[in-house]
Each structure stands twice: as structure tokens, then as C-alpha cells.
């Protein structure tokens, strides 16, 4: 049984389109809490953190809404840190993906204090590693990975107990299929482990995830940052930046199931559910389905030997 805390962050201040501020409500309507409780978990919903409204202004120095994004991330960081300190597993209900700066900054600081090895799995159609010099839009939801790696404004890079909050070897990106030209160079230079859609097509989702999870052991804190545009838009239509050619429903579930098999999930972001673009809340319901798989829902009873995880 996991001790789970749900933390809502209803904002689209870092996004390209309005609407994902309604994501926390959509996930609650899709019965996320009751689904997790049905699996035997202790779940408490601490409600929503607060922050400024979306001012809908043009970028300044390559950053759109930097003060507002900073305020929301401070609120998220502090809320996540409180739940981690109480030994609970925080689930961030976004909101846009810029909020991962705050959540992962808190997780990274917690892991250093606890002597845990941090592994971040970033599942997304996009690399989210733009800087103000490379960005075509100024939207900060395209910059969180760069900020966590120390490339960005001090307001965002300084949210953890050190700068950078994480190092490149701590993050693996899965499902990429839309990467800006500057990001391609940045990814190559940074040495991040990237499993894009061509890689998944060539070797298969199972083998890709086996590689992603190869270093997981009893000392690992695994953080999953789940952007719903990771899944093909035919399955997840309610996202602001859909990209065709993503994982199928079953492939997405396999990713979640293999993470569940490790038993090392310690924190989670669910972001970019945009109800204004959704069809009968299908994307929020998909998110709940995926999270249930992440917490052990399966067709058959499975016994996992953590000392000898599957290889190959």
C-alpha cells in the first residue's frame, strides 16, 4: 500500500494554449482518487496550490510569464516537499509541464537528503529542453528539462538545494517525436538518454523500457513525469500540443506496468490534460487508467523479483 498525496496545480501559465488549468478537476472527475484507493492505497487529496492568473502577455527576454511561472513552481515545490517529508508519494495534477521544475526540484533535494538515487523518466512527445535563446515561442512548458539541468533563469534553476537540480545521467526521455532544431543539438551535447519513437519502433517498447530501468535498485527513487501528449492523439486528444505517431494505448500501459514492476516509484507528475480540447473527458480517463497500471493494476496476479528484474 502506498501513502499517496494528490496535489492540484490548476494553471496553464507556461503553456502555448489555454485549457490545461482545468486538468486537475478533470482528473478528479475521472475518479483518480477512488481508482487508487480501490488498489489498496491510502490517498489524500490536499487540494490545489494557488498562484497568479495567466496574464496572456508576450515573451520578455525569451520567457513568457516568467514571474507567474516562478510563483506556481514555488507553490508546487513547497507542497511536494511537505508530502515527501511525511513519507508520502506526491502526485502532481497539472497544469502544464513547466510545473515539473518545482516538483522535481523538491524531489531531487529530498533524494540527496535521504541518500537516495534519483531516476527521472520523462515521457513526452517533446524534449522540453529549450532555452530563451532557442525557443520559437517563449513558452516555459518547453523549457523544464533545460531549467532542471541549470540552463535558464535563476528564478527557475535555483529551486532545489543546488544548481543544477539534476544531472543529465538522472533523466531518461521516452517517446520523443517533436524536437526543435536547437534542442537536437542540446540533446546531443548534453548526453541525455533519449528513447525517441524511432528507437521504440526499432527495438520495441519492452526492450526500450528494460534499458531505461536497468539501473533501478533498492536505493532508487523513481520519478515519472507523464505528459499526456506522450500517447498518440488518436487515444489522447485532449492535449495542447498533439503530435501524431505516438505510443498506442497498450504500449503506454506497458510503460506504466514495467515501472510498476520495479516497486520503486516515489513521485509522479500528470500534466497537460487540456479539457478544452478533449472529447468527453477521454484524456483524463486515459490518464487515470495509466496511473492505475502504474500502481499495480494488471490482468493477472504478478509476482516481481526485484533482485532479478527481466532483461533483454
C-alpha atoms as a PDB file:
ATOM      1  CA  UNK A   1       0.000   0.000   0.000  1.00  0.00           C
ATOM      2  CA  UNK A   2       1.301   3.424  -0.965  1.00  0.00           C
ATOM      3  CA  UNK A   3       0.655   6.590   1.019  1.00  0.00           C
ATOM      4  CA  UNK A   4      -0.374   8.904  -1.824  1.00  0.00           C
ATOM      5  CA  UNK A   5      -0.991  12.656  -1.783  1.00  0.00           C
ATOM      6  CA  UNK A   6      -2.743  14.409  -4.676  1.00  0.00           C
ATOM      7  CA  UNK A   7      -1.618  17.998  -5.295  1.00  0.00           C
ATOM      8  CA  UNK A   8      -3.506  20.093  -7.837  1.00  0.00           C
ATOM      9  CA  UNK A   9      -1.856  22.940  -9.741  1.00  0.00           C
ATOM     10  CA  UNK A  10      -4.565  24.471 -11.957  1.00  0.00           C
ATOM     11  CA  UNK A  11      -2.598  26.683 -14.308  1.00  0.00           C
ATOM     12  CA  UNK A  12      -1.727  26.981 -17.978  1.00  0.00           C
ATOM     13  CA  UNK A  13       0.600  29.924 -17.423  1.00  0.00           C
ATOM     14  CA  UNK A  14       3.541  28.123 -19.035  1.00  0.00           C
ATOM     15  CA  UNK A  15       1.625  26.573 -21.916  1.00  0.00           C
ATOM     16  CA  UNK A  16       1.013  27.518 -25.520  1.00  0.00           C
ATOM     17  CA  UNK A  17      -2.787  27.144 -25.321  1.00  0.00           C
ATOM     18  CA  UNK A  18      -5.243  27.851 -22.535  1.00  0.00           C
ATOM     19  CA  UNK A  19      -7.153  24.948 -21.000  1.00  0.00           C
ATOM     20  CA  UNK A  20      -4.841  22.675 -19.040  1.00  0.00           C
ATOM     21  CA  UNK A  21      -5.579  24.719 -15.904  1.00  0.00           C
ATOM     22  CA  UNK A  22      -8.721  22.570 -15.845  1.00  0.00           C
ATOM     23  CA  UNK A  23      -6.660  19.379 -15.784  1.00  0.00           C
ATOM     24  CA  UNK A  24      -6.734  18.769 -12.009  1.00  0.00           C
ATOM     25  CA  UNK A  25     -10.512  18.980 -11.992  1.00  0.00           C
ATOM     26  CA  UNK A  26     -10.787  16.647 -14.977  1.00  0.00           C
ATOM     27  CA  UNK A  27      -8.581  14.060 -13.277  1.00  0.00           C
ATOM     28  CA  UNK A  28     -10.713  14.246 -10.159  1.00  0.00           C
ATOM     29  CA  UNK A  29     -13.897  13.879 -12.218  1.00  0.00           C
ATOM     30  CA  UNK A  30     -12.323  10.783 -13.800  1.00  0.00           C
ATOM     31  CA  UNK A  31     -12.113   9.325 -10.262  1.00  0.00           C
ATOM     32  CA  UNK A  32      -8.356   9.204  -9.845  1.00  0.00           C
ATOM     33  CA  UNK A  33      -8.511   9.065  -6.058  1.00  0.00           C
ATOM     34  CA  UNK A  34     -11.111   6.300  -5.893  1.00  0.00           C
ATOM     35  CA  UNK A  35      -9.249   4.287  -8.539  1.00  0.00           C
ATOM     36  CA  UNK A  36      -6.081   4.403  -6.464  1.00  0.00           C
ATOM     37  CA  UNK A  37      -7.961   3.564  -3.271  1.00  0.00           C
ATOM     38  CA  UNK A  38      -9.511   0.532  -4.972  1.00  0.00           C
ATOM     39  CA  UNK A  39      -5.978  -0.801  -5.416  1.00  0.00           C
ATOM     40  CA  UNK A  40      -5.429  -0.652  -1.642  1.00  0.00           C
ATOM     41  CA  UNK A  41      -3.630   2.674  -1.377  1.00  0.00           C
ATOM     42  CA  UNK A  42      -4.091   5.358   1.238  1.00  0.00           C
ATOM     43  CA  UNK A  43      -4.984   8.500  -0.746  1.00  0.00           C
ATOM     44  CA  UNK A  44      -5.453  12.016   0.482  1.00  0.00           C
ATOM     45  CA  UNK A  45      -6.235  14.964  -1.757  1.00  0.00           C
ATOM     46  CA  UNK A  46      -4.662  18.102  -0.299  1.00  0.00           C
ATOM     47  CA  UNK A  47      -6.477  20.286  -2.812  1.00  0.00           C
ATOM     48  CA  UNK A  48      -4.967  22.847  -5.145  1.00  0.00           C
ATOM     49  CA  UNK A  49      -1.984  25.094  -4.611  1.00  0.00           C
ATOM     50  CA  UNK A  50      -2.557  28.721  -5.530  1.00  0.00           C
ATOM     51  CA  UNK A  51      -0.820  31.039  -7.947  1.00  0.00           C
ATOM     52  CA  UNK A  52      -1.348  34.039 -10.194  1.00  0.00           C
ATOM     53  CA  UNK A  53      -3.683  34.034 -13.196  1.00  0.00           C
ATOM     54  CA  UNK A  54      -2.426  33.744 -16.750  1.00  0.00           C
ATOM     55  CA  UNK A  55      -1.673  37.313 -17.883  1.00  0.00           C
ATOM     56  CA  UNK A  56      -1.512  36.334 -21.583  1.00  0.00           C
ATOM     57  CA  UNK A  57       1.453  38.590 -22.341  1.00  0.00           C
ATOM     58  CA  UNK A  58       4.167  38.356 -24.951  1.00  0.00           C
ATOM     59  CA  UNK A  59       7.619  36.964 -24.028  1.00  0.00           C
ATOM     60  CA  UNK A  60      10.173  39.158 -22.283  1.00  0.00           C
ATOM     61  CA  UNK A  61      13.818  38.237 -22.963  1.00  0.00           C
ATOM     62  CA  UNK A  62      12.611  34.940 -24.435  1.00  0.00           C
ATOM     63  CA  UNK A  63      10.428  33.929 -21.458  1.00  0.00           C
ATOM     64  CA  UNK A  64       6.648  34.159 -21.425  1.00  0.00           C
ATOM     65  CA  UNK A  65       5.128  34.798 -17.998  1.00  0.00           C
ATOM     66  CA  UNK A  66       8.340  34.146 -16.049  1.00  0.00           C
ATOM     67  CA  UNK A  67       7.140  35.754 -12.760  1.00  0.00           C
ATOM     68  CA  UNK A  68       3.892  33.788 -12.853  1.00  0.00           C
ATOM     69  CA  UNK A  69       5.586  30.507 -13.772  1.00  0.00           C
ATOM     70  CA  UNK A  70       8.050  31.064 -10.928  1.00  0.00           C
ATOM     71  CA  UNK A  71       5.259  31.655  -8.413  1.00  0.00           C
ATOM     72  CA  UNK A  72       3.409  28.495  -9.400  1.00  0.00           C
ATOM     73  CA  UNK A  73       6.583  26.429  -9.242  1.00  0.00           C
ATOM     74  CA  UNK A  74       7.428  27.721  -5.781  1.00  0.00           C
ATOM     75  CA  UNK A  75       3.981  26.650  -4.616  1.00  0.00           C
ATOM     76  CA  UNK A  76       4.359  23.203  -6.202  1.00  0.00           C
ATOM     77  CA  UNK A  77       7.879  22.707  -4.840  1.00  0.00           C
ATOM     78  CA  UNK A  78       6.833  23.554  -1.299  1.00  0.00           C
ATOM     79  CA  UNK A  79       3.745  21.318  -1.397  1.00  0.00           C
ATOM     80  CA  UNK A  80       5.671  18.359  -2.834  1.00  0.00           C
ATOM     81  CA  UNK A  81       8.458  18.811  -0.276  1.00  0.00           C
ATOM     82  CA  UNK A  82       5.971  18.658   2.608  1.00  0.00           C
ATOM     83  CA  UNK A  83       4.442  15.390   1.385  1.00  0.00           C
ATOM     84  CA  UNK A  84       7.845  13.792   0.769  1.00  0.00           C
ATOM     85  CA  UNK A  85       8.994  14.762   4.260  1.00  0.00           C
ATOM     86  CA  UNK A  86       5.962  12.940   5.661  1.00  0.00           C
ATOM     87  CA  UNK A  87       6.937   9.783   3.783  1.00  0.00           C
ATOM     88  CA  UNK A  88       4.146  10.088   1.259  1.00  0.00           C
ATOM     89  CA  UNK A  89       4.160   9.704  -2.523  1.00  0.00           C
ATOM     90  CA  UNK A  90       3.153  13.022  -4.130  1.00  0.00           C
ATOM     91  CA  UNK A  91       1.206  13.070  -7.377  1.00  0.00           C
ATOM     92  CA  UNK A  92       1.159  16.467  -9.064  1.00  0.00           C
ATOM     93  CA  UNK A  93      -2.040  17.095 -11.014  1.00  0.00           C
ATOM     94  CA  UNK A  94      -1.226  19.660 -13.688  1.00  0.00           C
ATOM     95  CA  UNK A  95      -1.485  22.069 -15.211  1.00  0.00           C
ATOM     96  CA  UNK A  96       1.246  22.490 -17.782  1.00  0.00           C
ATOM     97  CA  UNK A  97       4.640  20.796 -17.860  1.00  0.00           C
ATOM     98  CA  UNK A  98       6.569  23.828 -16.611  1.00  0.00           C
ATOM     99  CA  UNK A  99       5.340  22.745 -13.154  1.00  0.00           C
ATOM    100  CA  UNK A 100       7.789  19.841 -13.240  1.00  0.00           C
ATOM    101  CA  UNK A 101      10.541  22.333 -12.409  1.00  0.00           C
ATOM    102  CA  UNK A 102       9.072  22.766  -8.955  1.00  0.00           C
ATOM    103  CA  UNK A 103       8.112  19.150  -8.356  1.00  0.00           C
ATOM    104  CA  UNK A 104      11.410  17.645  -9.492  1.00  0.00           C
ATOM    105  CA  UNK A 105      13.422  20.323  -7.673  1.00  0.00           C
ATOM    106  CA  UNK A 106      11.734  19.177  -4.453  1.00  0.00           C
ATOM    107  CA  UNK A 107      12.236  15.500  -5.289  1.00  0.00           C
ATOM    108  CA  UNK A 108      15.924  15.988  -6.109  1.00  0.00           C
ATOM    109  CA  UNK A 109      16.583  17.802  -2.825  1.00  0.00           C
ATOM    110  CA  UNK A 110      14.697  15.105  -0.912  1.00  0.00           C
ATOM    111  CA  UNK A 111      16.711  12.324  -2.544  1.00  0.00           C
ATOM    112  CA  UNK A 112      20.024  13.992  -1.714  1.00  0.00           C
ATOM    113  CA  UNK A 113      18.987  14.433   1.909  1.00  0.00           C
ATOM    114  CA  UNK A 114      17.757  10.837   2.136  1.00  0.00           C
ATOM    115  CA  UNK A 115      20.728   9.295   0.321  1.00  0.00           C
ATOM    116  CA  UNK A 116      18.516   8.015  -2.485  1.00  0.00           C
ATOM    117  CA  UNK A 117      19.491   7.559  -6.122  1.00  0.00           C
ATOM    118  CA  UNK A 118      17.135   9.570  -8.327  1.00  0.00           C
ATOM    119  CA  UNK A 119      15.958   8.338 -11.721  1.00  0.00           C
ATOM    120  CA  UNK A 120      13.558  10.543 -13.695  1.00  0.00           C
ATOM    121  CA  UNK A 121      11.562   9.050 -16.560  1.00  0.00           C
ATOM    122  CA  UNK A 122      10.262  11.845 -18.768  1.00  0.00           C
ATOM    123  CA  UNK A 123       7.573  10.515 -21.098  1.00  0.00           C
ATOM    124  CA  UNK A 124       6.632  13.144 -23.648  1.00  0.00           C
ATOM    125  CA  UNK A 125       6.304  13.865 -27.347  1.00  0.00           C
ATOM    126  CA  UNK A 126       8.636  16.829 -26.824  1.00  0.00           C
ATOM    127  CA  UNK A 127      12.156  17.228 -25.416  1.00  0.00           C
ATOM    128  CA  UNK A 128      11.247  20.299 -23.304  1.00  0.00           C
ATOM    129  CA  UNK A 129      14.890  21.371 -23.307  1.00  0.00           C
ATOM    130  CA  UNK A 130      14.580  24.769 -24.963  1.00  0.00           C
ATOM    131  CA  UNK A 131      16.253  27.879 -23.593  1.00  0.00           C
ATOM    132  CA  UNK A 132      15.276  31.511 -24.084  1.00  0.00           C
ATOM    133  CA  UNK A 133      17.774  31.715 -26.929  1.00  0.00           C
ATOM    134  CA  UNK A 134      16.430  28.653 -28.761  1.00  0.00           C
ATOM    135  CA  UNK A 135      12.702  28.769 -28.075  1.00  0.00           C
ATOM    136  CA  UNK A 136      10.418  29.522 -31.007  1.00  0.00           C
ATOM    137  CA  UNK A 137       7.607  30.603 -28.664  1.00  0.00           C
ATOM    138  CA  UNK A 138       8.862  31.644 -25.233  1.00  0.00           C
ATOM    139  CA  UNK A 139       6.507  29.134 -23.586  1.00  0.00           C
ATOM    140  CA  UNK A 140       8.204  27.797 -20.473  1.00  0.00           C
ATOM    141  CA  UNK A 141       6.454  24.415 -20.677  1.00  0.00           C
ATOM    142  CA  UNK A 142       9.029  23.783 -23.418  1.00  0.00           C
ATOM    143  CA  UNK A 143      11.936  24.517 -21.036  1.00  0.00           C
ATOM    144  CA  UNK A 144      11.654  22.490 -17.795  1.00  0.00           C
ATOM    145  CA  UNK A 145      14.350  19.933 -18.600  1.00  0.00           C
ATOM    146  CA  UNK A 146      16.790  22.705 -19.500  1.00  0.00           C
ATOM    147  CA  UNK A 147      15.976  24.574 -16.282  1.00  0.00           C
ATOM    148  CA  UNK A 148      16.435  21.465 -14.145  1.00  0.00           C
ATOM    149  CA  UNK A 149      19.835  20.954 -15.794  1.00  0.00           C
ATOM    150  CA  UNK A 150      20.823  24.517 -14.867  1.00  0.00           C
ATOM    151  CA  UNK A 151      20.144  26.269 -18.172  1.00  0.00           C
ATOM    152  CA  UNK A 152      17.633  29.021 -17.560  1.00  0.00           C
ATOM    153  CA  UNK A 153      16.799  31.987 -15.372  1.00  0.00           C
ATOM    154  CA  UNK A 154      17.999  31.942 -11.776  1.00  0.00           C
ATOM    155  CA  UNK A 155      14.396  32.089 -10.591  1.00  0.00           C
ATOM    156  CA  UNK A 156      13.813  28.592 -12.002  1.00  0.00           C
ATOM    157  CA  UNK A 157      17.248  26.951 -11.888  1.00  0.00           C
ATOM    158  CA  UNK A 158      17.642  27.779  -8.186  1.00  0.00           C
ATOM    159  CA  UNK A 159      14.563  25.988  -6.854  1.00  0.00           C
ATOM    160  CA  UNK A 160      16.340  22.943  -5.459  1.00  0.00           C
ATOM    161  CA  UNK A 161      19.084  22.752  -2.834  1.00  0.00           C
ATOM    162  CA  UNK A 162      21.752  23.031  -5.517  1.00  0.00           C
ATOM    163  CA  UNK A 163      22.258  24.204  -9.091  1.00  0.00           C
ATOM    164  CA  UNK A 164      21.709  22.315 -11.273  1.00  0.00           C
ATOM    165  CA  UNK A 165      18.874  20.475  -9.580  1.00  0.00           C
ATOM    166  CA  UNK A 166      19.705  17.289 -11.505  1.00  0.00           C
ATOM    167  CA  UNK A 167      22.411  15.958 -13.804  1.00  0.00           C
ATOM    168  CA  UNK A 168      21.941  14.545 -17.283  1.00  0.00           C
ATOM    169  CA  UNK A 169      22.513  10.951 -16.171  1.00  0.00           C
ATOM    170  CA  UNK A 170      19.483  11.148 -13.861  1.00  0.00           C
ATOM    171  CA  UNK A 171      16.895  11.625 -16.595  1.00  0.00           C
ATOM    172  CA  UNK A 172      15.733   9.363 -19.413  1.00  0.00           C
ATOM    173  CA  UNK A 173      13.345  10.683 -22.070  1.00  0.00           C
ATOM    174  CA  UNK A 174      10.876   8.328 -23.735  1.00  0.00           C
ATOM    175  CA  UNK A 175       8.571   8.823 -26.717  1.00  0.00           C
ATOM    176  CA  UNK A 176      10.065  11.961 -28.289  1.00  0.00           C
ATOM    177  CA  UNK A 177       8.910  12.778 -31.807  1.00  0.00           C
ATOM    178  CA  UNK A 178       8.850  16.592 -31.977  1.00  0.00           C
ATOM    179  CA  UNK A 179      12.191  18.232 -31.227  1.00  0.00           C
ATOM    180  CA  UNK A 180      13.172  21.771 -32.230  1.00  0.00           C
ATOM    181  CA  UNK A 181      16.460  22.266 -34.145  1.00  0.00           C
ATOM    182  CA  UNK A 182      18.243  23.864 -31.190  1.00  0.00           C
ATOM    183  CA  UNK A 183      17.012  21.119 -28.886  1.00  0.00           C
ATOM    184  CA  UNK A 184      18.513  18.452 -31.159  1.00  0.00           C
ATOM    185  CA  UNK A 185      21.952  19.965 -30.699  1.00  0.00           C
ATOM    186  CA  UNK A 186      21.409  20.459 -26.988  1.00  0.00           C
ATOM    187  CA  UNK A 187      20.370  16.829 -26.514  1.00  0.00           C
ATOM    188  CA  UNK A 188      23.433  15.587 -28.389  1.00  0.00           C
ATOM    189  CA  UNK A 189      25.771  17.818 -26.385  1.00  0.00           C
ATOM    190  CA  UNK A 190      24.196  17.050 -23.006  1.00  0.00           C
ATOM    191  CA  UNK A 191      24.401  13.278 -23.335  1.00  0.00           C
ATOM    192  CA  UNK A 192      20.833  12.656 -22.154  1.00  0.00           C
ATOM    193  CA  UNK A 193      19.492   9.152 -22.650  1.00  0.00           C
ATOM    194  CA  UNK A 194      16.734   9.564 -25.239  1.00  0.00           C
ATOM    195  CA  UNK A 195      14.434   6.816 -26.478  1.00  0.00           C
ATOM    196  CA  UNK A 196      12.564   8.515 -29.303  1.00  0.00           C
ATOM    197  CA  UNK A 197       9.803   6.966 -31.381  1.00  0.00           C
ATOM    198  CA  UNK A 198      12.231   5.617 -33.959  1.00  0.00           C
ATOM    199  CA  UNK A 199      14.057   3.807 -31.155  1.00  0.00           C
ATOM    200  CA  UNK A 200      10.783   2.401 -29.821  1.00  0.00           C
ATOM    201  CA  UNK A 201       9.788   1.351 -33.342  1.00  0.00           C
ATOM    202  CA  UNK A 202      13.100  -0.398 -33.987  1.00  0.00           C
ATOM    203  CA  UNK A 203      13.670  -2.233 -30.695  1.00  0.00           C
ATOM    204  CA  UNK A 204      10.180  -2.282 -29.202  1.00  0.00           C
ATOM    205  CA  UNK A 205       8.728  -0.693 -26.088  1.00  0.00           C
ATOM    206  CA  UNK A 206       9.645  -3.568 -23.791  1.00  0.00           C
ATOM    207  CA  UNK A 207      13.330  -3.552 -24.681  1.00  0.00           C
ATOM    208  CA  UNK A 208      13.476   0.217 -24.514  1.00  0.00           C
ATOM    209  CA  UNK A 209      11.964   0.269 -21.024  1.00  0.00           C
ATOM    210  CA  UNK A 210      14.243  -2.550 -19.906  1.00  0.00           C
ATOM    211  CA  UNK A 211      17.164  -0.267 -20.759  1.00  0.00           C
ATOM    212  CA  UNK A 212      15.535   2.710 -19.043  1.00  0.00           C
ATOM    213  CA  UNK A 213      15.025   0.719 -15.846  1.00  0.00           C
ATOM    214  CA  UNK A 214      18.304  -1.211 -15.894  1.00  0.00           C
ATOM    215  CA  UNK A 215      19.891   0.826 -13.083  1.00  0.00           C
ATOM    216  CA  UNK A 216      16.909   0.675 -10.713  1.00  0.00           C
ATOM    217  CA  UNK A 217      17.712  -0.939  -7.383  1.00  0.00           C
ATOM    218  CA  UNK A 218      16.582  -0.829  -3.758  1.00  0.00           C
ATOM    219  CA  UNK A 219      18.178   2.610  -3.282  1.00  0.00           C
ATOM    220  CA  UNK A 220      16.354   4.205  -6.248  1.00  0.00           C
ATOM    221  CA  UNK A 221      13.651   6.841  -6.042  1.00  0.00           C
ATOM    222  CA  UNK A 222      11.885   6.763  -9.391  1.00  0.00           C
ATOM    223  CA  UNK A 223      10.063   9.891 -10.539  1.00  0.00           C
ATOM    224  CA  UNK A 224       7.758   9.710 -13.556  1.00  0.00           C
ATOM    225  CA  UNK A 225       6.870  12.928 -15.362  1.00  0.00           C
ATOM    226  CA  UNK A 226       3.905  11.970 -17.536  1.00  0.00           C
ATOM    227  CA  UNK A 227       2.868  14.390 -20.256  1.00  0.00           C
ATOM    228  CA  UNK A 228      -0.321  13.054 -21.844  1.00  0.00           C
ATOM    229  CA  UNK A 229       0.847  14.122 -25.309  1.00  0.00           C
ATOM    230  CA  UNK A 230       3.237  11.169 -24.976  1.00  0.00           C
ATOM    231  CA  UNK A 231       0.341   8.991 -26.139  1.00  0.00           C
ATOM    232  CA  UNK A 232      -0.854   9.176 -29.730  1.00  0.00           C
ATOM    233  CA  UNK A 233      -3.571  11.839 -30.115  1.00  0.00           C
ATOM    234  CA  UNK A 234      -5.960   9.254 -31.534  1.00  0.00           C
ATOM    235  CA  UNK A 235      -6.086   7.945 -27.957  1.00  0.00           C
ATOM    236  CA  UNK A 236      -5.351  11.164 -26.039  1.00  0.00           C
ATOM    237  CA  UNK A 237      -6.984  14.045 -27.945  1.00  0.00           C
ATOM    238  CA  UNK A 238      -7.165  16.472 -25.016  1.00  0.00           C
ATOM    239  CA  UNK A 239      -3.643  17.921 -25.101  1.00  0.00           C
ATOM    240  CA  UNK A 240      -2.402  21.320 -26.204  1.00  0.00           C
ATOM    241  CA  UNK A 241       0.458  20.178 -28.426  1.00  0.00           C
ATOM    242  CA  UNK A 242      -0.546  16.839 -30.008  1.00  0.00           C
ATOM    243  CA  UNK A 243       1.918  15.020 -32.271  1.00  0.00           C
ATOM    244  CA  UNK A 244       0.818  12.025 -34.338  1.00  0.00           C
ATOM    245  CA  UNK A 245       2.807   8.823 -34.284  1.00  0.00           C
ATOM    246  CA  UNK A 246       2.978   8.243 -30.539  1.00  0.00           C
ATOM    247  CA  UNK A 247       2.607   5.072 -28.477  1.00  0.00           C
ATOM    248  CA  UNK A 248      -0.659   3.178 -28.669  1.00  0.00           C
ATOM    249  CA  UNK A 249      -2.967   2.596 -25.713  1.00  0.00           C
ATOM    250  CA  UNK A 250      -1.348  -0.765 -24.978  1.00  0.00           C
ATOM    251  CA  UNK A 251       2.227   0.483 -25.449  1.00  0.00           C
ATOM    252  CA  UNK A 252       1.572   3.299 -22.977  1.00  0.00           C
ATOM    253  CA  UNK A 253       0.189   0.801 -20.477  1.00  0.00           C
ATOM    254  CA  UNK A 254       3.255  -1.398 -20.907  1.00  0.00           C
ATOM    255  CA  UNK A 255       5.482   1.535 -19.950  1.00  0.00           C
ATOM    256  CA  UNK A 256       3.427   2.033 -16.791  1.00  0.00           C
ATOM    257  CA  UNK A 257       3.316  -1.669 -15.968  1.00  0.00           C
ATOM    258  CA  UNK A 258       7.074  -2.071 -16.261  1.00  0.00           C
ATOM    259  CA  UNK A 259       7.621   0.904 -13.961  1.00  0.00           C
ATOM    260  CA  UNK A 260       5.144  -0.651 -11.521  1.00  0.00           C
ATOM    261  CA  UNK A 261       7.099  -3.900 -11.596  1.00  0.00           C
ATOM    262  CA  UNK A 262      10.142  -2.155 -10.107  1.00  0.00           C
ATOM    263  CA  UNK A 263       8.276  -1.183  -6.963  1.00  0.00           C
ATOM    264  CA  UNK A 264      10.383   1.994  -6.786  1.00  0.00           C
ATOM    265  CA  UNK A 265       8.005   4.733  -7.899  1.00  0.00           C
ATOM    266  CA  UNK A 266       8.368   7.596  -5.439  1.00  0.00           C
ATOM    267  CA  UNK A 267       6.673  10.574  -7.110  1.00  0.00           C
ATOM    268  CA  UNK A 268       4.659  11.449 -10.196  1.00  0.00           C
ATOM    269  CA  UNK A 269       3.639  14.367 -12.408  1.00  0.00           C
ATOM    270  CA  UNK A 270       0.480  14.159 -14.550  1.00  0.00           C
ATOM    271  CA  UNK A 271       0.434  17.177 -16.856  1.00  0.00           C
ATOM    272  CA  UNK A 272      -1.016  18.773 -19.990  1.00  0.00           C
ATOM    273  CA  UNK A 273      -4.550  17.360 -19.766  1.00  0.00           C
ATOM    274  CA  UNK A 274      -6.471  20.042 -21.645  1.00  0.00           C
ATOM    275  CA  UNK A 275     -10.202  19.624 -21.176  1.00  0.00           C
ATOM    276  CA  UNK A 276     -10.972  22.428 -23.636  1.00  0.00           C
ATOM    277  CA  UNK A 277      -9.633  20.181 -26.392  1.00  0.00           C
ATOM    278  CA  UNK A 278     -10.783  16.826 -25.018  1.00  0.00           C
ATOM    279  CA  UNK A 279     -13.649  14.573 -26.088  1.00  0.00           C
ATOM    280  CA  UNK A 280     -15.937  13.568 -23.193  1.00  0.00           C
ATOM    281  CA  UNK A 281     -13.008  13.673 -20.734  1.00  0.00           C
ATOM    282  CA  UNK A 282     -11.332  10.784 -22.601  1.00  0.00           C
ATOM    283  CA  UNK A 283      -7.789  12.005 -21.965  1.00  0.00           C
ATOM    284  CA  UNK A 284      -8.301  12.419 -18.229  1.00  0.00           C
ATOM    285  CA  UNK A 285      -9.862   8.952 -18.102  1.00  0.00           C
ATOM    286  CA  UNK A 286      -6.883   7.576 -20.020  1.00  0.00           C
ATOM    287  CA  UNK A 287      -4.569   9.248 -17.517  1.00  0.00           C
ATOM    288  CA  UNK A 288      -6.395   7.537 -14.655  1.00  0.00           C
ATOM    289  CA  UNK A 289      -6.166   4.183 -16.468  1.00  0.00           C
ATOM    290  CA  UNK A 290      -2.417   4.649 -16.905  1.00  0.00           C
ATOM    291  CA  UNK A 291      -1.906   5.662 -13.283  1.00  0.00           C
ATOM    292  CA  UNK A 292      -3.818   2.607 -12.115  1.00  0.00           C
ATOM    293  CA  UNK A 293      -1.401   0.451 -14.139  1.00  0.00           C
ATOM    294  CA  UNK A 294       1.449   2.407 -12.614  1.00  0.00           C
ATOM    295  CA  UNK A 295       0.219   1.384  -9.175  1.00  0.00           C
ATOM    296  CA  UNK A 296      -0.149  -2.284  -9.961  1.00  0.00           C
ATOM    297  CA  UNK A 297      -3.454  -2.845 -11.707  1.00  0.00           C
ATOM    298  CA  UNK A 298      -2.996  -5.832 -14.024  1.00  0.00           C
ATOM    299  CA  UNK A 299      -4.944  -8.572 -15.746  1.00  0.00           C
ATOM    300  CA  UNK A 300      -3.180 -11.331 -13.787  1.00  0.00           C
ATOM    301  CA  UNK A 301      -1.557 -11.557 -10.376  1.00  0.00           C
ATOM    302  CA  UNK A 302       2.109 -10.787 -10.950  1.00  0.00           C
ATOM    303  CA  UNK A 303       4.987 -11.582  -8.614  1.00  0.00           C
ATOM    304  CA  UNK A 304       8.053  -9.449  -9.297  1.00  0.00           C
ATOM    305  CA  UNK A 305      11.544 -10.424  -8.189  1.00  0.00           C
ATOM    306  CA  UNK A 306      13.164  -7.027  -7.660  1.00  0.00           C
ATOM    307  CA  UNK A 307      16.556  -8.650  -7.139  1.00  0.00           C
ATOM    308  CA  UNK A 308      16.395 -10.194 -10.618  1.00  0.00           C
ATOM    309  CA  UNK A 309      14.415  -7.914 -12.920  1.00  0.00           C
ATOM    310  CA  UNK A 310      13.785  -9.089 -16.508  1.00  0.00           C
ATOM    311  CA  UNK A 311      16.483  -8.287 -19.043  1.00  0.00           C
ATOM    312  CA  UNK A 312      16.721  -8.108 -22.820  1.00  0.00           C
END
